[in-house]
Amino acid sequence: MAKEDVQFCVNIDGPIAVYVQIENLVQFAIAAGKLNPGDTLPSVREMSETLKINPNTVTKAYRDLELMKLVHTRRGVGVTVSAEAPKLCRENARAMAKEHLIDATAECIASGLSAADVRKIVGQAIDSGANPYQVP
């Protein structure tokens, strides 16, 4: 089973497709060492019930993660993290997060927020311990 410190949540009203949010959350958890090779992700049914979403959405995310070579699906075993996933995720997830942060910072500055305001907002986000896609 997935480690207990991994919390999955999605924002169904957000601009990012829910299946992509699931894919990203799994990649972030692997990159951060919260999910390791051999760890099992929640079943499709369990994940869909936890997130209150259609099981087909979870199935699509898991299928995409398998195509990315981040997980393996085996009948009777479930969806497990692949041996190569940590290296792939550290590179990809961190690059994606950096790109998002750069874009978000530029948007903040372009909208008139001062550099001090942006630093304060980032500091508050870090201190809050919020998960990605978590609705406040």
N, C-alpha and C. Protein backbone atom coordinates (compact mmCIF):
# COMPACT_ATOMS: atom_id res chain seq x y z
N MET A 1 0.84 -1.18 0.00
CA MET A 1 0.00 0.00 0.00
C MET A 1 0.88 1.24 0.00
N ALA A 2 0.35 2.34 -0.50
CA ALA A 2 1.09 3.60 -0.50
C ALA A 2 1.36 4.03 0.93
N LYS A 3 2.46 4.71 1.12
CA LYS A 3 2.80 5.17 2.46
C LYS A 3 1.73 6.11 2.98
N GLU A 4 1.56 6.09 4.29
CA GLU A 4 0.50 6.88 4.91
C GLU A 4 0.72 8.38 4.81
N ASP A 5 1.96 8.84 4.62
CA ASP A 5 2.18 10.28 4.55
C ASP A 5 1.85 10.87 3.19
N VAL A 6 1.42 10.05 2.25
CA VAL A 6 1.00 10.53 0.94
C VAL A 6 -0.50 10.80 1.00
N GLN A 7 -0.87 12.06 0.80
CA GLN A 7 -2.27 12.44 0.81
C GLN A 7 -2.65 12.89 -0.60
N PHE A 8 -3.64 12.23 -1.15
CA PHE A 8 -4.11 12.59 -2.47
C PHE A 8 -5.35 13.45 -2.35
N CYS A 9 -5.33 14.60 -3.01
CA CYS A 9 -6.52 15.44 -3.10
C CYS A 9 -6.47 16.14 -4.45
N VAL A 10 -7.65 16.42 -5.00
CA VAL A 10 -7.73 17.08 -6.29
C VAL A 10 -8.69 18.26 -6.20
N ASN A 11 -8.55 19.17 -7.13
CA ASN A 11 -9.44 20.31 -7.23
C ASN A 11 -10.25 20.13 -8.51
N ILE A 12 -11.48 19.64 -8.36
CA ILE A 12 -12.28 19.35 -9.55
C ILE A 12 -12.71 20.61 -10.29
N ASP A 13 -12.61 21.76 -9.64
CA ASP A 13 -12.98 23.02 -10.27
C ASP A 13 -11.77 23.78 -10.81
N GLY A 14 -10.58 23.22 -10.63
CA GLY A 14 -9.36 23.90 -11.06
C GLY A 14 -9.14 23.80 -12.57
N PRO A 15 -8.17 24.55 -13.07
CA PRO A 15 -7.90 24.57 -14.51
C PRO A 15 -7.16 23.33 -15.03
N ILE A 16 -6.61 22.51 -14.13
CA ILE A 16 -5.86 21.34 -14.54
C ILE A 16 -6.78 20.12 -14.48
N ALA A 17 -6.79 19.33 -15.55
CA ALA A 17 -7.64 18.13 -15.59
C ALA A 17 -7.35 17.24 -14.39
N VAL A 18 -8.38 16.63 -13.84
CA VAL A 18 -8.24 15.83 -12.63
C VAL A 18 -7.26 14.67 -12.84
N TYR A 19 -7.31 14.01 -13.98
CA TYR A 19 -6.39 12.90 -14.21
C TYR A 19 -4.94 13.39 -14.22
N VAL A 20 -4.71 14.59 -14.73
CA VAL A 20 -3.36 15.17 -14.74
C VAL A 20 -2.93 15.51 -13.31
N GLN A 21 -3.86 16.00 -12.50
CA GLN A 21 -3.55 16.27 -11.10
C GLN A 21 -3.09 14.99 -10.40
N ILE A 22 -3.79 13.88 -10.65
CA ILE A 22 -3.41 12.60 -10.04
C ILE A 22 -2.02 12.20 -10.51
N GLU A 23 -1.78 12.29 -11.81
CA GLU A 23 -0.46 11.96 -12.35
C GLU A 23 0.62 12.81 -11.68
N ASN A 24 0.36 14.11 -11.57
CA ASN A 24 1.35 15.00 -10.95
C ASN A 24 1.57 14.66 -9.49
N LEU A 25 0.49 14.39 -8.75
CA LEU A 25 0.63 14.06 -7.34
C LEU A 25 1.48 12.81 -7.12
N VAL A 26 1.28 11.81 -7.97
CA VAL A 26 2.08 10.60 -7.86
C VAL A 26 3.55 10.92 -8.17
N GLN A 27 3.78 11.71 -9.22
CA GLN A 27 5.15 12.08 -9.56
C GLN A 27 5.81 12.89 -8.44
N PHE A 28 5.07 13.82 -7.84
CA PHE A 28 5.61 14.61 -6.73
C PHE A 28 5.97 13.71 -5.55
N ALA A 29 5.09 12.76 -5.24
CA ALA A 29 5.34 11.86 -4.10
C ALA A 29 6.57 10.99 -4.35
N ILE A 30 6.75 10.55 -5.58
CA ILE A 30 7.93 9.75 -5.92
C ILE A 30 9.18 10.62 -5.85
N ALA A 31 9.12 11.83 -6.42
CA ALA A 31 10.28 12.73 -6.43
C ALA A 31 10.70 13.08 -5.01
N ALA A 32 9.73 13.21 -4.10
CA ALA A 32 10.02 13.58 -2.72
C ALA A 32 10.40 12.39 -1.85
N GLY A 33 10.38 11.18 -2.41
CA GLY A 33 10.73 9.99 -1.65
C GLY A 33 9.61 9.48 -0.75
N LYS A 34 8.40 9.98 -0.95
CA LYS A 34 7.25 9.50 -0.17
C LYS A 34 6.70 8.20 -0.74
N LEU A 35 6.94 7.97 -2.01
CA LEU A 35 6.62 6.69 -2.66
C LEU A 35 7.92 6.15 -3.25
N ASN A 36 8.19 4.88 -3.01
CA ASN A 36 9.43 4.26 -3.45
C ASN A 36 9.13 3.07 -4.34
N PRO A 37 10.14 2.61 -5.10
CA PRO A 37 9.93 1.44 -5.94
C PRO A 37 9.33 0.28 -5.14
N GLY A 38 8.31 -0.32 -5.72
CA GLY A 38 7.63 -1.44 -5.08
C GLY A 38 6.42 -1.03 -4.26
N ASP A 39 6.32 0.25 -3.87
CA ASP A 39 5.14 0.71 -3.14
C ASP A 39 3.91 0.59 -4.04
N THR A 40 2.80 0.26 -3.44
CA THR A 40 1.56 0.08 -4.19
C THR A 40 0.68 1.32 -4.03
N LEU A 41 0.16 1.80 -5.16
CA LEU A 41 -0.77 2.91 -5.13
C LEU A 41 -2.15 2.41 -4.69
N PRO A 42 -3.01 3.31 -4.22
CA PRO A 42 -4.37 2.88 -3.89
C PRO A 42 -5.04 2.28 -5.12
N SER A 43 -5.94 1.32 -4.91
CA SER A 43 -6.66 0.74 -6.04
C SER A 43 -7.48 1.82 -6.73
N VAL A 44 -7.89 1.55 -7.95
CA VAL A 44 -8.72 2.50 -8.69
C VAL A 44 -9.98 2.83 -7.88
N ARG A 45 -10.60 1.80 -7.35
CA ARG A 45 -11.82 2.01 -6.57
C ARG A 45 -11.55 2.86 -5.33
N GLU A 46 -10.49 2.51 -4.60
CA GLU A 46 -10.16 3.25 -3.38
C GLU A 46 -9.84 4.72 -3.69
N MET A 47 -9.04 4.94 -4.73
CA MET A 47 -8.67 6.31 -5.10
C MET A 47 -9.90 7.10 -5.56
N SER A 48 -10.77 6.47 -6.34
CA SER A 48 -11.95 7.20 -6.83
C SER A 48 -12.91 7.52 -5.68
N GLU A 49 -13.02 6.62 -4.71
CA GLU A 49 -13.88 6.89 -3.55
C GLU A 49 -13.27 7.98 -2.66
N THR A 50 -11.97 7.93 -2.45
CA THR A 50 -11.29 8.94 -1.63
C THR A 50 -11.44 10.33 -2.24
N LEU A 51 -11.25 10.41 -3.56
CA LEU A 51 -11.29 11.71 -4.24
C LEU A 51 -12.69 12.10 -4.70
N LYS A 52 -13.64 11.16 -4.59
CA LYS A 52 -15.01 11.39 -5.03
C LYS A 52 -15.07 11.76 -6.51
N ILE A 53 -14.41 10.91 -7.30
CA ILE A 53 -14.36 11.11 -8.76
C ILE A 53 -14.68 9.79 -9.45
N ASN A 54 -14.90 9.86 -10.74
CA ASN A 54 -15.21 8.69 -11.54
C ASN A 54 -13.99 7.75 -11.61
N PRO A 55 -14.20 6.45 -11.43
CA PRO A 55 -13.08 5.50 -11.52
C PRO A 55 -12.35 5.56 -12.87
N ASN A 56 -13.05 5.91 -13.93
CA ASN A 56 -12.39 6.01 -15.25
C ASN A 56 -11.30 7.09 -15.25
N THR A 57 -11.48 8.13 -14.45
CA THR A 57 -10.48 9.19 -14.35
C THR A 57 -9.20 8.65 -13.72
N VAL A 58 -9.35 7.86 -12.68
CA VAL A 58 -8.19 7.25 -12.02
C VAL A 58 -7.52 6.25 -12.97
N THR A 59 -8.33 5.47 -13.66
CA THR A 59 -7.79 4.50 -14.62
C THR A 59 -6.95 5.19 -15.67
N LYS A 60 -7.43 6.32 -16.20
CA LYS A 60 -6.67 7.07 -17.21
C LYS A 60 -5.34 7.55 -16.62
N ALA A 61 -5.37 8.09 -15.41
CA ALA A 61 -4.14 8.57 -14.78
C ALA A 61 -3.15 7.42 -14.60
N TYR A 62 -3.62 6.30 -14.08
CA TYR A 62 -2.74 5.16 -13.87
C TYR A 62 -2.18 4.63 -15.19
N ARG A 63 -3.01 4.62 -16.23
CA ARG A 63 -2.54 4.16 -17.54
C ARG A 63 -1.45 5.09 -18.07
N ASP A 64 -1.66 6.40 -17.92
CA ASP A 64 -0.64 7.36 -18.37
C ASP A 64 0.66 7.20 -17.58
N LEU A 65 0.54 7.00 -16.27
CA LEU A 65 1.73 6.79 -15.45
C LEU A 65 2.49 5.54 -15.89
N GLU A 66 1.75 4.53 -16.32
CA GLU A 66 2.40 3.31 -16.81
C GLU A 66 3.10 3.59 -18.14
N LEU A 67 2.48 4.36 -19.01
CA LEU A 67 3.12 4.72 -20.28
C LEU A 67 4.38 5.55 -20.05
N MET A 68 4.41 6.31 -18.96
CA MET A 68 5.60 7.10 -18.61
C MET A 68 6.67 6.24 -17.93
N LYS A 69 6.36 4.96 -17.72
CA LYS A 69 7.27 4.00 -17.08
C LYS A 69 7.50 4.31 -15.60
N LEU A 70 6.51 4.93 -14.97
CA LEU A 70 6.62 5.27 -13.56
C LEU A 70 5.99 4.21 -12.66
N VAL A 71 5.06 3.45 -13.20
CA VAL A 71 4.39 2.39 -12.45
C VAL A 71 4.23 1.16 -13.32
N HIS A 72 3.96 0.03 -12.66
CA HIS A 72 3.63 -1.22 -13.33
C HIS A 72 2.29 -1.68 -12.80
N THR A 73 1.45 -2.17 -13.69
CA THR A 73 0.16 -2.71 -13.27
C THR A 73 0.19 -4.22 -13.46
N ARG A 74 -0.13 -4.94 -12.38
CA ARG A 74 -0.19 -6.41 -12.47
C ARG A 74 -1.47 -6.88 -11.82
N ARG A 75 -2.18 -7.72 -12.54
CA ARG A 75 -3.42 -8.28 -12.04
C ARG A 75 -3.14 -9.02 -10.73
N GLY A 76 -3.96 -8.74 -9.74
CA GLY A 76 -3.81 -9.38 -8.44
C GLY A 76 -2.84 -8.70 -7.51
N VAL A 77 -1.99 -7.82 -8.05
CA VAL A 77 -1.00 -7.11 -7.24
C VAL A 77 -1.38 -5.63 -7.13
N GLY A 78 -1.79 -5.06 -8.25
CA GLY A 78 -2.16 -3.65 -8.28
C GLY A 78 -1.15 -2.83 -9.04
N VAL A 79 -1.14 -1.54 -8.74
CA VAL A 79 -0.26 -0.59 -9.41
C VAL A 79 0.90 -0.27 -8.47
N THR A 80 2.11 -0.63 -8.91
CA THR A 80 3.29 -0.42 -8.06
C THR A 80 4.28 0.54 -8.74
N VAL A 81 5.03 1.23 -7.92
CA VAL A 81 6.03 2.18 -8.40
C VAL A 81 7.19 1.39 -9.02
N SER A 82 7.63 1.82 -10.19
CA SER A 82 8.71 1.13 -10.90
C SER A 82 10.07 1.50 -10.33
N ALA A 83 11.06 0.68 -10.65
CA ALA A 83 12.42 0.92 -10.16
C ALA A 83 13.01 2.20 -10.73
N GLU A 84 12.66 2.54 -11.96
CA GLU A 84 13.24 3.74 -12.59
C GLU A 84 12.48 5.03 -12.26
N ALA A 85 11.35 4.92 -11.59
CA ALA A 85 10.50 6.08 -11.31
C ALA A 85 11.20 7.20 -10.52
N PRO A 86 11.96 6.90 -9.45
CA PRO A 86 12.56 8.01 -8.70
C PRO A 86 13.43 8.92 -9.54
N LYS A 87 14.28 8.34 -10.37
CA LYS A 87 15.16 9.16 -11.21
C LYS A 87 14.34 9.98 -12.20
N LEU A 88 13.38 9.34 -12.85
CA LEU A 88 12.55 10.05 -13.83
C LEU A 88 11.76 11.18 -13.17
N CYS A 89 11.21 10.92 -12.01
CA CYS A 89 10.37 11.91 -11.33
C CYS A 89 11.18 13.06 -10.76
N ARG A 90 12.34 12.76 -10.22
CA ARG A 90 13.17 13.85 -9.69
C ARG A 90 13.47 14.86 -10.79
N GLU A 91 13.78 14.36 -11.97
CA GLU A 91 14.10 15.24 -13.09
C GLU A 91 12.85 15.97 -13.59
N ASN A 92 11.80 15.22 -13.89
CA ASN A 92 10.61 15.79 -14.52
C ASN A 92 9.76 16.64 -13.58
N ALA A 93 9.45 16.11 -12.41
CA ALA A 93 8.56 16.82 -11.49
C ALA A 93 9.20 18.11 -10.99
N ARG A 94 10.47 18.06 -10.69
CA ARG A 94 11.13 19.26 -10.20
C ARG A 94 11.25 20.32 -11.28
N ALA A 95 11.52 19.90 -12.51
CA ALA A 95 11.58 20.86 -13.62
C ALA A 95 10.21 21.49 -13.84
N MET A 96 9.15 20.69 -13.77
CA MET A 96 7.79 21.20 -13.94
C MET A 96 7.45 22.18 -12.82
N ALA A 97 7.79 21.84 -11.58
CA ALA A 97 7.48 22.71 -10.45
C ALA A 97 8.23 24.04 -10.57
N LYS A 98 9.49 23.98 -10.96
CA LYS A 98 10.26 25.21 -11.14
C LYS A 98 9.65 26.09 -12.21
N GLU A 99 9.24 25.48 -13.31
CA GLU A 99 8.62 26.24 -14.40
C GLU A 99 7.33 26.90 -13.92
N HIS A 100 6.51 26.17 -13.16
CA HIS A 100 5.26 26.74 -12.63
C HIS A 100 5.55 27.90 -11.69
N LEU A 101 6.57 27.75 -10.85
CA LEU A 101 6.90 28.80 -9.90
C LEU A 101 7.40 30.05 -10.62
N ILE A 102 8.20 29.87 -11.63
CA ILE A 102 8.69 31.00 -12.42
C ILE A 102 7.52 31.71 -13.09
N ASP A 103 6.61 30.93 -13.71
CA ASP A 103 5.44 31.53 -14.36
C ASP A 103 4.55 32.25 -13.36
N ALA A 104 4.28 31.61 -12.22
CA ALA A 104 3.41 32.22 -11.20
C ALA A 104 4.04 33.49 -10.65
N THR A 105 5.35 33.48 -10.44
CA THR A 105 6.04 34.68 -9.94
C THR A 105 5.94 35.81 -10.95
N ALA A 106 6.14 35.50 -12.22
CA ALA A 106 6.03 36.52 -13.26
C ALA A 106 4.62 37.09 -13.33
N GLU A 107 3.61 36.23 -13.16
CA GLU A 107 2.23 36.70 -13.15
C GLU A 107 1.96 37.62 -11.97
N CYS A 108 2.50 37.27 -10.81
CA CYS A 108 2.34 38.11 -9.62
C CYS A 108 2.94 39.49 -9.85
N ILE A 109 4.15 39.54 -10.36
CA ILE A 109 4.83 40.81 -10.62
C ILE A 109 4.07 41.61 -11.68
N ALA A 110 3.64 40.91 -12.73
CA ALA A 110 2.90 41.59 -13.82
C ALA A 110 1.58 42.16 -13.33
N SER A 111 0.99 41.54 -12.31
CA SER A 111 -0.30 42.03 -11.80
C SER A 111 -0.14 43.17 -10.79
N GLY A 112 1.10 43.53 -10.50
CA GLY A 112 1.33 44.67 -9.63
C GLY A 112 1.77 44.34 -8.21
N LEU A 113 1.88 43.06 -7.89
CA LEU A 113 2.38 42.71 -6.56
C LEU A 113 3.87 43.04 -6.48
N SER A 114 4.30 43.50 -5.33
CA SER A 114 5.72 43.81 -5.15
C SER A 114 6.51 42.53 -4.92
N ALA A 115 7.81 42.61 -5.08
CA ALA A 115 8.66 41.45 -4.81
C ALA A 115 8.50 41.01 -3.36
N ALA A 116 8.36 41.97 -2.45
CA ALA A 116 8.17 41.65 -1.02
C ALA A 116 6.86 40.90 -0.81
N ASP A 117 5.81 41.33 -1.52
CA ASP A 117 4.52 40.64 -1.41
C ASP A 117 4.63 39.20 -1.92
N VAL A 118 5.32 39.02 -3.02
CA VAL A 118 5.47 37.68 -3.60
C VAL A 118 6.25 36.79 -2.63
N ARG A 119 7.33 37.32 -2.06
CA ARG A 119 8.11 36.55 -1.08
C ARG A 119 7.25 36.15 0.12
N LYS A 120 6.42 37.07 0.57
CA LYS A 120 5.54 36.80 1.71
C LYS A 120 4.54 35.70 1.36
N ILE A 121 3.96 35.78 0.19
CA ILE A 121 2.98 34.77 -0.26
C ILE A 121 3.65 33.40 -0.37
N VAL A 122 4.83 33.36 -0.95
CA VAL A 122 5.55 32.08 -1.08
C VAL A 122 5.89 31.54 0.30
N GLY A 123 6.33 32.39 1.19
CA GLY A 123 6.64 31.96 2.56
C GLY A 123 5.42 31.40 3.26
N GLN A 124 4.28 32.06 3.08
CA GLN A 124 3.03 31.56 3.69
C GLN A 124 2.64 30.21 3.10
N ALA A 125 2.83 30.06 1.80
CA ALA A 125 2.50 28.78 1.15
C ALA A 125 3.39 27.66 1.68
N ILE A 126 4.66 27.95 1.87
CA ILE A 126 5.58 26.96 2.41
C ILE A 126 5.18 26.60 3.84
N ASP A 127 4.91 27.62 4.64
CA ASP A 127 4.56 27.40 6.05
C ASP A 127 3.23 26.69 6.24
N SER A 128 2.32 26.83 5.28
CA SER A 128 0.99 26.24 5.43
C SER A 128 1.00 24.72 5.34
N GLY A 129 2.00 24.18 4.64
CA GLY A 129 2.05 22.74 4.46
C GLY A 129 0.98 22.21 3.55
N ALA A 130 0.34 23.07 2.78
CA ALA A 130 -0.74 22.67 1.88
C ALA A 130 -0.23 21.71 0.81
N ASN A 131 -1.11 20.83 0.39
CA ASN A 131 -0.80 19.90 -0.70
C ASN A 131 -1.18 20.53 -2.04
N PRO A 132 -0.53 20.12 -3.12
CA PRO A 132 -0.93 20.62 -4.43
C PRO A 132 -2.41 20.30 -4.67
N TYR A 133 -3.09 21.22 -5.31
CA TYR A 133 -4.49 21.09 -5.71
C TYR A 133 -5.46 21.06 -4.53
N GLN A 134 -4.95 21.26 -3.31
CA GLN A 134 -5.81 21.28 -2.14
C GLN A 134 -6.61 22.57 -2.15
N VAL A 135 -7.92 22.46 -2.05
CA VAL A 135 -8.78 23.63 -2.03
C VAL A 135 -8.74 24.22 -0.63
N PRO A 136 -8.40 25.52 -0.51
CA PRO A 136 -8.29 26.13 0.82
C PRO A 136 -9.62 26.17 1.57
